């Protein structure tokens, strides 16, 4: 709740919070190959910066449906087994980021270039060799350490 600071007004308002989903999509090959995660990048980011996919929840949509829709719309990947991981307030534009992990059911990428410039599958080895978001010398850079995207990536790495 917010209370108008003008004593003559004193009006109470209840600002809206828009839910957004952010997800780490993983693929664990049945042939024993290395696990991979799907990361994408927006064109406005510096080259080499990659992060987890994300998007807003639409009216009448469950969080799990939003995760599946966003991954399919942005990268063309079908997913399943959507599991909640964590959340992070996202004050601009009055959102809350709800973090998930999901299993890829398909791996072929079909990008929506209006949403993302690029997306790729990265192994745990690729991720471990990556640099920080601000490090312009690293060919692959991960989101800042205080972000939910980085938390999702780090927890995926920890799970091996």
Protein backbone atom coordinates (compact mmCIF):
# COMPACT_ATOMS: atom_id res chain seq x y z
CA UNK A 1 0.00 0.00 0.00
CA UNK A 2 1.09 3.57 -0.67
CA UNK A 3 -0.23 6.57 1.22
CA UNK A 4 -0.27 10.01 -0.39
CA UNK A 5 2.16 12.25 1.49
CA UNK A 6 -0.14 15.26 1.09
CA UNK A 7 -2.01 15.51 4.45
CA UNK A 8 -5.05 16.97 2.68
CA UNK A 9 -5.24 13.88 0.47
CA UNK A 10 -4.10 10.86 2.48
CA UNK A 11 -5.32 8.59 -0.31
CA UNK A 12 -4.37 4.93 -0.13
CA UNK A 13 -3.34 3.20 -3.35
CA UNK A 14 -2.40 -0.38 -4.05
CA UNK A 15 0.16 -0.38 -6.84
CA UNK A 16 0.01 -3.19 -9.33
CA UNK A 17 2.77 -5.76 -9.53
CA UNK A 18 3.19 -7.58 -12.83
CA UNK A 19 4.60 -11.11 -12.62
CA UNK A 20 7.42 -12.05 -14.94
CA UNK A 21 8.96 -15.48 -15.35
CA UNK A 22 12.64 -16.18 -15.83
CA UNK A 23 13.86 -19.65 -16.54
CA UNK A 24 16.88 -21.84 -16.94
CA UNK A 25 16.12 -24.50 -19.54
CA UNK A 26 18.33 -27.56 -19.29
CA UNK A 27 18.88 -30.54 -21.53
CA UNK A 28 20.34 -33.77 -20.24
CA UNK A 29 21.12 -36.06 -23.19
CA UNK A 30 19.97 -39.66 -22.79
CA UNK A 31 23.22 -40.87 -24.43
CA UNK A 32 25.28 -39.70 -21.45
CA UNK A 33 26.53 -36.53 -23.15
CA UNK A 34 27.19 -33.42 -21.09
CA UNK A 35 24.19 -31.50 -19.74
CA UNK A 36 23.48 -28.18 -21.44
CA UNK A 37 21.53 -25.05 -20.61
CA UNK A 38 19.87 -22.61 -22.97
CA UNK A 39 20.94 -18.98 -22.74
CA UNK A 40 19.98 -16.10 -24.98
CA UNK A 41 20.92 -12.52 -25.62
CA UNK A 42 19.14 -9.32 -26.55
CA UNK A 43 20.53 -7.13 -29.30
CA UNK A 44 20.90 -4.15 -26.96
CA UNK A 45 23.39 -6.03 -24.75
CA UNK A 46 27.13 -5.88 -25.40
CA UNK A 47 28.44 -8.79 -27.51
CA UNK A 48 29.10 -11.91 -25.43
CA UNK A 49 26.50 -11.18 -22.74
CA UNK A 50 24.07 -14.11 -22.35
CA UNK A 51 21.37 -14.80 -19.80
CA UNK A 52 18.41 -17.01 -19.07
CA UNK A 53 15.19 -16.43 -21.01
CA UNK A 54 12.38 -14.39 -19.45
CA UNK A 55 9.03 -12.78 -20.14
CA UNK A 56 5.82 -11.46 -18.69
CA UNK A 57 2.89 -13.60 -17.60
CA UNK A 58 -0.25 -12.97 -19.65
CA UNK A 59 -3.72 -12.61 -18.07
CA UNK A 60 -5.36 -15.99 -17.49
CA UNK A 61 -2.07 -17.87 -17.78
CA UNK A 62 -0.43 -19.99 -15.08
CA UNK A 63 3.23 -19.39 -14.29
CA UNK A 64 4.15 -22.79 -15.76
CA UNK A 65 2.23 -21.99 -18.95
CA UNK A 66 4.05 -18.67 -19.20
CA UNK A 67 7.43 -20.41 -18.89
CA UNK A 68 6.54 -22.87 -21.66
CA UNK A 69 5.09 -20.15 -23.91
CA UNK A 70 8.04 -17.78 -23.51
CA UNK A 71 10.64 -20.48 -24.20
CA UNK A 72 8.74 -21.64 -27.27
CA UNK A 73 8.09 -18.10 -28.56
CA UNK A 74 11.67 -16.91 -28.09
CA UNK A 75 13.66 -20.05 -28.93
CA UNK A 76 11.26 -22.60 -30.48
CA UNK A 77 12.02 -25.18 -27.78
CA UNK A 78 9.33 -27.36 -26.18
CA UNK A 79 9.79 -27.86 -22.45
CA UNK A 80 8.34 -29.84 -19.57
CA UNK A 81 8.86 -30.42 -15.85
CA UNK A 82 8.71 -26.74 -14.89
CA UNK A 83 9.84 -26.31 -11.27
CA UNK A 84 9.85 -23.09 -9.21
CA UNK A 85 13.30 -22.09 -7.89
CA UNK A 86 13.30 -18.55 -6.44
CA UNK A 87 12.07 -14.98 -6.90
CA UNK A 88 13.51 -11.49 -7.09
CA UNK A 89 11.75 -8.11 -6.93
CA UNK A 90 12.13 -6.19 -10.16
CA UNK A 91 11.06 -2.62 -9.40
CA UNK A 92 11.11 -1.37 -12.98
CA UNK A 93 8.40 -1.59 -14.25
CA UNK A 94 6.87 -2.80 -10.94
CA UNK A 95 7.37 -6.51 -11.49
CA UNK A 96 8.44 -9.57 -9.62
CA UNK A 97 10.67 -12.11 -11.32
CA UNK A 98 9.64 -15.69 -10.57
CA UNK A 99 12.48 -18.08 -11.36
CA UNK A 100 12.07 -21.59 -12.70
CA UNK A 101 14.03 -24.50 -14.06
CA UNK A 102 12.58 -26.53 -16.94
CA UNK A 103 13.60 -29.59 -18.93
CA UNK A 104 13.96 -29.28 -22.69
CA UNK A 105 11.94 -31.80 -24.67
CA UNK A 106 13.38 -30.55 -27.97
CA UNK A 107 16.71 -28.88 -28.69
CA UNK A 108 16.44 -27.41 -32.20
CA UNK A 109 16.39 -23.62 -31.98
CA UNK A 110 14.03 -21.34 -33.93
CA UNK A 111 14.64 -17.80 -32.71
CA UNK A 112 12.18 -14.92 -32.65
CA UNK A 113 14.60 -12.15 -33.61
CA UNK A 114 12.14 -9.50 -32.41
CA UNK A 115 12.64 -10.91 -28.89
CA UNK A 116 16.23 -12.15 -28.82
CA UNK A 117 19.24 -11.78 -31.07
CA UNK A 118 20.78 -15.15 -30.33
CA UNK A 119 20.35 -18.26 -28.17
CA UNK A 120 22.66 -21.21 -27.71
CA UNK A 121 23.08 -24.40 -25.72
CA UNK A 122 26.01 -24.17 -23.29
CA UNK A 123 27.69 -27.00 -21.40
CA UNK A 124 28.74 -26.73 -17.76
CA UNK A 125 32.33 -26.43 -19.05
CA UNK A 126 31.35 -23.46 -21.26
CA UNK A 127 29.68 -21.77 -18.28
CA UNK A 128 32.61 -22.37 -15.95
CA UNK A 129 34.95 -20.69 -18.46
CA UNK A 130 32.72 -17.61 -18.80
CA UNK A 131 33.48 -14.13 -17.56
CA UNK A 132 31.49 -11.52 -15.71
CA UNK A 133 28.82 -9.29 -17.32
CA UNK A 134 31.11 -6.24 -17.22
CA UNK A 135 34.25 -8.02 -18.52
CA UNK A 136 34.49 -6.87 -22.13
CA UNK A 137 37.44 -9.20 -22.80
CA UNK A 138 35.55 -12.44 -22.11
CA UNK A 139 33.86 -14.05 -25.15
CA UNK A 140 30.97 -15.34 -22.97
CA UNK A 141 29.74 -13.27 -20.05
CA UNK A 142 27.14 -14.21 -17.43
CA UNK A 143 24.58 -11.98 -15.70
CA UNK A 144 25.60 -10.05 -12.58
CA UNK A 145 26.08 -12.12 -9.41
CA UNK A 146 23.20 -10.40 -7.61
CA UNK A 147 20.63 -11.32 -10.27
CA UNK A 148 18.13 -14.17 -10.24
CA UNK A 149 19.39 -15.18 -13.68
CA UNK A 150 22.85 -15.77 -12.21
CA UNK A 151 21.32 -17.65 -9.27
CA UNK A 152 19.52 -19.98 -11.68
CA UNK A 153 22.74 -20.59 -13.62
CA UNK A 154 24.80 -21.13 -10.47
CA UNK A 155 22.29 -23.58 -9.00
CA UNK A 156 22.28 -25.51 -12.29
CA UNK A 157 26.08 -25.70 -12.18
CA UNK A 158 25.98 -26.85 -8.55
CA UNK A 159 23.62 -29.68 -9.46
CA UNK A 160 26.19 -30.92 -11.98
